[in-house]
Amino acid sequence: MEYNIGDIVRTKKPHPCGCKLWEITRVGVDFKLKCTNCGHVVVMPREKALKAITKKES
């Protein structure tokens, strides 16, 4: 699946704040994800991010 900046994705495990929805803010070798509930930013390797994402919301 192709992911672009600004896409909202759902992850398998929720963030400690309880939200499973994340906004993609950077795509490349690393994915930069921003929690849609609390705004926390996480940078993770592409391989790990693709395993964590279950589906694209929008």
PDB file of N, CA and C in Angstrom:
ATOM      1  N   MET A   1       0.839  -1.185   0.000  1.00  0.00           N
ATOM      2  CA  MET A   1       0.000   0.000   0.000  1.00  0.00           C
ATOM      3  C   MET A   1       0.879   1.242   0.000  1.00  0.00           C
ATOM      4  N   GLU A   2       0.435   2.261  -0.670  1.00  0.00           N
ATOM      5  CA  GLU A   2       1.172   3.522  -0.773  1.00  0.00           C
ATOM      6  C   GLU A   2       0.697   4.490   0.308  1.00  0.00           C
ATOM      7  N   TYR A   3       1.624   5.090   1.029  1.00  0.00           N
ATOM      8  CA  TYR A   3       1.294   6.056   2.074  1.00  0.00           C
ATOM      9  C   TYR A   3       1.874   7.413   1.693  1.00  0.00           C
ATOM     10  N   ASN A   4       1.107   8.463   1.935  1.00  0.00           N
ATOM     11  CA  ASN A   4       1.514   9.831   1.622  1.00  0.00           C
ATOM     12  C   ASN A   4       1.425  10.693   2.872  1.00  0.00           C
ATOM     13  N   ILE A   5       2.098  11.831   2.822  1.00  0.00           N
ATOM     14  CA  ILE A   5       2.050  12.777   3.933  1.00  0.00           C
ATOM     15  C   ILE A   5       0.611  13.272   4.082  1.00  0.00           C
ATOM     16  N   GLY A   6       0.145  13.302   5.325  1.00  0.00           N
ATOM     17  CA  GLY A   6      -1.216  13.751   5.617  1.00  0.00           C
ATOM     18  C   GLY A   6      -2.225  12.623   5.756  1.00  0.00           C
ATOM     19  N   ASP A   7      -1.841  11.392   5.395  1.00  0.00           N
ATOM     20  CA  ASP A   7      -2.743  10.250   5.547  1.00  0.00           C
ATOM     21  C   ASP A   7      -2.946   9.940   7.034  1.00  0.00           C
ATOM     22  N   ILE A   8      -4.158   9.520   7.372  1.00  0.00           N
ATOM     23  CA  ILE A   8      -4.467   9.079   8.725  1.00  0.00           C
ATOM     24  C   ILE A   8      -4.490   7.553   8.694  1.00  0.00           C
ATOM     25  N   VAL A   9      -3.723   6.922   9.585  1.00  0.00           N
ATOM     26  CA  VAL A   9      -3.637   5.461   9.613  1.00  0.00           C
ATOM     27  C   VAL A   9      -3.990   4.934  11.005  1.00  0.00           C
ATOM     28  N   ARG A  10      -4.430   3.680  11.045  1.00  0.00           N
ATOM     29  CA  ARG A  10      -4.756   2.989  12.300  1.00  0.00           C
ATOM     30  C   ARG A  10      -3.644   1.988  12.579  1.00  0.00           C
ATOM     31  N   THR A  11      -3.224   1.898  13.854  1.00  0.00           N
ATOM     32  CA  THR A  11      -2.172   0.961  14.240  1.00  0.00           C
ATOM     33  C   THR A  11      -2.743  -0.188  15.069  1.00  0.00           C
ATOM     34  N   LYS A  12      -1.972  -1.271  15.157  1.00  0.00           N
ATOM     35  CA  LYS A  12      -2.403  -2.443  15.927  1.00  0.00           C
ATOM     36  C   LYS A  12      -2.526  -2.109  17.407  1.00  0.00           C
ATOM     37  N   LYS A  13      -1.482  -1.510  17.960  1.00  0.00           N
ATOM     38  CA  LYS A  13      -1.477  -1.181  19.386  1.00  0.00           C
ATOM     39  C   LYS A  13      -1.778   0.307  19.582  1.00  0.00           C
ATOM     40  N   PRO A  14      -2.562   0.645  20.594  1.00  0.00           N
ATOM     41  CA  PRO A  14      -2.852   2.070  20.844  1.00  0.00           C
ATOM     42  C   PRO A  14      -1.677   2.780  21.514  1.00  0.00           C
ATOM     43  N   HIS A  15      -1.633   4.077  21.343  1.00  0.00           N
ATOM     44  CA  HIS A  15      -0.683   4.937  22.042  1.00  0.00           C
ATOM     45  C   HIS A  15      -1.104   4.954  23.516  1.00  0.00           C
ATOM     46  N   PRO A  16      -0.216   5.222  24.459  1.00  0.00           N
ATOM     47  CA  PRO A  16      -0.612   5.263  25.879  1.00  0.00           C
ATOM     48  C   PRO A  16      -1.782   6.200  26.179  1.00  0.00           C
ATOM     49  N   CYS A  17      -2.030   7.196  25.328  1.00  0.00           N
ATOM     50  CA  CYS A  17      -3.174   8.090  25.540  1.00  0.00           C
ATOM     51  C   CYS A  17      -4.490   7.403  25.152  1.00  0.00           C
ATOM     52  N   GLY A  18      -4.411   6.234  24.487  1.00  0.00           N
ATOM     53  CA  GLY A  18      -5.605   5.470  24.142  1.00  0.00           C
ATOM     54  C   GLY A  18      -6.031   5.560  22.690  1.00  0.00           C
ATOM     55  N   CYS A  19      -5.361   6.384  21.898  1.00  0.00           N
ATOM     56  CA  CYS A  19      -5.734   6.592  20.495  1.00  0.00           C
ATOM     57  C   CYS A  19      -4.957   5.650  19.568  1.00  0.00           C
ATOM     58  N   LYS A  20      -5.639   5.131  18.550  1.00  0.00           N
ATOM     59  CA  LYS A  20      -4.991   4.257  17.565  1.00  0.00           C
ATOM     60  C   LYS A  20      -4.789   4.956  16.222  1.00  0.00           C
ATOM     61  N   LEU A  21      -5.219   6.207  16.114  1.00  0.00           N
ATOM     62  CA  LEU A  21      -5.116   6.936  14.845  1.00  0.00           C
ATOM     63  C   LEU A  21      -3.897   7.852  14.848  1.00  0.00           C
ATOM     64  N   TRP A  22      -3.149   7.800  13.744  1.00  0.00           N
ATOM     65  CA  TRP A  22      -1.925   8.591  13.594  1.00  0.00           C
ATOM     66  C   TRP A  22      -1.931   9.292  12.247  1.00  0.00           C
ATOM     67  N   GLU A  23      -1.340  10.484  12.190  1.00  0.00           N
ATOM     68  CA  GLU A  23      -1.170  11.219  10.933  1.00  0.00           C
ATOM     69  C   GLU A  23       0.272  11.048  10.488  1.00  0.00           C
ATOM     70  N   ILE A  24       0.468  10.715   9.211  1.00  0.00           N
ATOM     71  CA  ILE A  24       1.817  10.567   8.668  1.00  0.00           C
ATOM     72  C   ILE A  24       2.340  11.954   8.308  1.00  0.00           C
ATOM     73  N   THR A  25       3.494  12.326   8.873  1.00  0.00           N
ATOM     74  CA  THR A  25       4.079  13.631   8.584  1.00  0.00           C
ATOM     75  C   THR A  25       5.380  13.531   7.789  1.00  0.00           C
ATOM     76  N   ARG A  26       5.941  12.310   7.674  1.00  0.00           N
ATOM     77  CA  ARG A  26       7.125  12.111   6.830  1.00  0.00           C
ATOM     78  C   ARG A  26       7.144  10.671   6.339  1.00  0.00           C
ATOM     79  N   VAL A  27       7.489  10.501   5.068  1.00  0.00           N
ATOM     80  CA  VAL A  27       7.579   9.176   4.457  1.00  0.00           C
ATOM     81  C   VAL A  27       8.944   9.056   3.794  1.00  0.00           C
ATOM     82  N   GLY A  28       9.565   7.919   3.941  1.00  0.00           N
ATOM     83  CA  GLY A  28      10.878   7.676   3.340  1.00  0.00           C
ATOM     84  C   GLY A  28      11.460   6.431   3.969  1.00  0.00           C
ATOM     85  N   VAL A  29      12.744   6.485   4.295  1.00  0.00           N
ATOM     86  CA  VAL A  29      13.378   5.372   4.994  1.00  0.00           C
ATOM     87  C   VAL A  29      12.748   5.246   6.385  1.00  0.00           C
ATOM     88  N   ASP A  30      12.413   6.384   6.982  1.00  0.00           N
ATOM     89  CA  ASP A  30      11.718   6.425   8.271  1.00  0.00           C
ATOM     90  C   ASP A  30      10.324   6.997   8.075  1.00  0.00           C
ATOM     91  N   PHE A  31       9.390   6.574   8.920  1.00  0.00           N
ATOM     92  CA  PHE A  31       8.057   7.161   8.955  1.00  0.00           C
ATOM     93  C   PHE A  31       7.979   8.036  10.192  1.00  0.00           C
ATOM     94  N   LYS A  32       7.409   9.226  10.056  1.00  0.00           N
ATOM     95  CA  LYS A  32       7.190  10.103  11.197  1.00  0.00           C
ATOM     96  C   LYS A  32       5.678  10.154  11.392  1.00  0.00           C
ATOM     97  N   LEU A  33       5.229   9.698  12.556  1.00  0.00           N
ATOM     98  CA  LEU A  33       3.802   9.627  12.846  1.00  0.00           C
ATOM     99  C   LEU A  33       3.465  10.562  13.997  1.00  0.00           C
ATOM    100  N   LYS A  34       2.317  11.254  13.878  1.00  0.00           N
ATOM    101  CA  LYS A  34       1.854  12.171  14.915  1.00  0.00           C
ATOM    102  C   LYS A  34       0.519  11.666  15.438  1.00  0.00           C
ATOM    103  N   CYS A  35       0.415  11.474  16.740  1.00  0.00           N
ATOM    104  CA  CYS A  35      -0.814  10.994  17.358  1.00  0.00           C
ATOM    105  C   CYS A  35      -1.912  12.043  17.148  1.00  0.00           C
ATOM    106  N   THR A  36      -3.085  11.608  16.683  1.00  0.00           N
ATOM    107  CA  THR A  36      -4.163  12.560  16.413  1.00  0.00           C
ATOM    108  C   THR A  36      -4.853  13.031  17.688  1.00  0.00           C
ATOM    109  N   ASN A  37      -4.633  12.327  18.810  1.00  0.00           N
ATOM    110  CA  ASN A  37      -5.275  12.700  20.064  1.00  0.00           C
ATOM    111  C   ASN A  37      -4.420  13.676  20.875  1.00  0.00           C
ATOM    112  N   CYS A  38      -3.174  13.294  21.159  1.00  0.00           N
ATOM    113  CA  CYS A  38      -2.329  14.117  22.044  1.00  0.00           C
ATOM    114  C   CYS A  38      -1.235  14.884  21.310  1.00  0.00           C
ATOM    115  N   GLY A  39      -0.977  14.556  20.030  1.00  0.00           N
ATOM    116  CA  GLY A  39       0.026  15.291  19.256  1.00  0.00           C
ATOM    117  C   GLY A  39       1.449  14.787  19.419  1.00  0.00           C
ATOM    118  N   HIS A  40       1.656  13.680  20.133  1.00  0.00           N
ATOM    119  CA  HIS A  40       2.996  13.116  20.313  1.00  0.00           C
ATOM    120  C   HIS A  40       3.542  12.638  18.968  1.00  0.00           C
ATOM    121  N   VAL A  41       4.826  12.894  18.701  1.00  0.00           N
ATOM    122  CA  VAL A  41       5.451  12.523  17.439  1.00  0.00           C
ATOM    123  C   VAL A  41       6.402  11.350  17.654  1.00  0.00           C
ATOM    124  N   VAL A  42       6.308  10.362  16.760  1.00  0.00           N
ATOM    125  CA  VAL A  42       7.150   9.172  16.823  1.00  0.00           C
ATOM    126  C   VAL A  42       7.809   8.976  15.470  1.00  0.00           C
ATOM    127  N   VAL A  43       9.120   8.681  15.467  1.00  0.00           N
ATOM    128  CA  VAL A  43       9.843   8.351  14.238  1.00  0.00           C
ATOM    129  C   VAL A  43      10.243   6.886  14.340  1.00  0.00           C
ATOM    130  N   MET A  44       9.877   6.108  13.308  1.00  0.00           N
ATOM    131  CA  MET A  44      10.236   4.689  13.316  1.00  0.00           C
ATOM    132  C   MET A  44      10.666   4.252  11.931  1.00  0.00           C
ATOM    133  N   PRO A  45      11.498   3.219  11.863  1.00  0.00           N
ATOM    134  CA  PRO A  45      11.932   2.714  10.552  1.00  0.00           C
ATOM    135  C   PRO A  45      10.733   2.260   9.725  1.00  0.00           C
ATOM    136  N   ARG A  46      10.840   2.395   8.422  1.00  0.00           N
ATOM    137  CA  ARG A  46       9.758   2.051   7.496  1.00  0.00           C
ATOM    138  C   ARG A  46       9.236   0.628   7.717  1.00  0.00           C
ATOM    139  N   GLU A  47      10.162  -0.327   7.867  1.00  0.00           N
ATOM    140  CA  GLU A  47       9.784  -1.733   8.036  1.00  0.00           C
ATOM    141  C   GLU A  47       8.898  -1.930   9.268  1.00  0.00           C
ATOM    142  N   LYS A  48       9.274  -1.310  10.380  1.00  0.00           N
ATOM    143  CA  LYS A  48       8.514  -1.430  11.624  1.00  0.00           C
ATOM    144  C   LYS A  48       7.156  -0.725  11.504  1.00  0.00           C
ATOM    145  N   ALA A  49       7.139   0.422  10.850  1.00  0.00           N
ATOM    146  CA  ALA A  49       5.887   1.176  10.679  1.00  0.00           C
ATOM    147  C   ALA A  49       4.896   0.389   9.814  1.00  0.00           C
ATOM    148  N   LEU A  50       5.375  -0.235   8.751  1.00  0.00           N
ATOM    149  CA  LEU A  50       4.485  -0.989   7.876  1.00  0.00           C
ATOM    150  C   LEU A  50       3.868  -2.195   8.589  1.00  0.00           C
ATOM    151  N   LYS A  51       4.610  -2.780   9.544  1.00  0.00           N
ATOM    152  CA  LYS A  51       4.067  -3.892  10.337  1.00  0.00           C
ATOM    153  C   LYS A  51       3.034  -3.389  11.361  1.00  0.00           C
ATOM    154  N   ALA A  52       3.239  -2.184  11.882  1.00  0.00           N
ATOM    155  CA  ALA A  52       2.361  -1.636  12.925  1.00  0.00           C
ATOM    156  C   ALA A  52       1.041  -1.109  12.352  1.00  0.00           C
ATOM    157  N   ILE A  53       1.047  -0.650  11.099  1.00  0.00           N
ATOM    158  CA  ILE A  53      -0.151  -0.054  10.501  1.00  0.00           C
ATOM    159  C   ILE A  53      -1.088  -1.160  10.007  1.00  0.00           C
ATOM    160  N   THR A  54      -2.367  -1.063  10.397  1.00  0.00           N
ATOM    161  CA  THR A  54      -3.338  -2.054   9.957  1.00  0.00           C
ATOM    162  C   THR A  54      -4.142  -1.588   8.760  1.00  0.00           C
ATOM    163  N   LYS A  55      -4.524  -0.291   8.745  1.00  0.00           N
ATOM    164  CA  LYS A  55      -5.268   0.211   7.583  1.00  0.00           C
ATOM    165  C   LYS A  55      -5.189   1.720   7.493  1.00  0.00           C
ATOM    166  N   LYS A  56      -5.503   2.217   6.318  1.00  0.00           N
ATOM    167  CA  LYS A  56      -5.491   3.643   6.021  1.00  0.00           C
ATOM    168  C   LYS A  56      -6.918   4.167   6.191  1.00  0.00           C
ATOM    169  N   GLU A  57      -7.088   5.189   7.022  1.00  0.00           N
ATOM    170  CA  GLU A  57      -8.412   5.750   7.279  1.00  0.00           C
ATOM    171  C   GLU A  57      -8.817   6.757   6.205  1.00  0.00           C
ATOM    172  N   SER A  58      -7.874   7.635   5.823  1.00  0.00           N
ATOM    173  CA  SER A  58      -8.209   8.631   4.791  1.00  0.00           C
ATOM    174  C   SER A  58      -6.977   9.058   4.044  1.00  0.00           C
TER     175      SER A  58
END
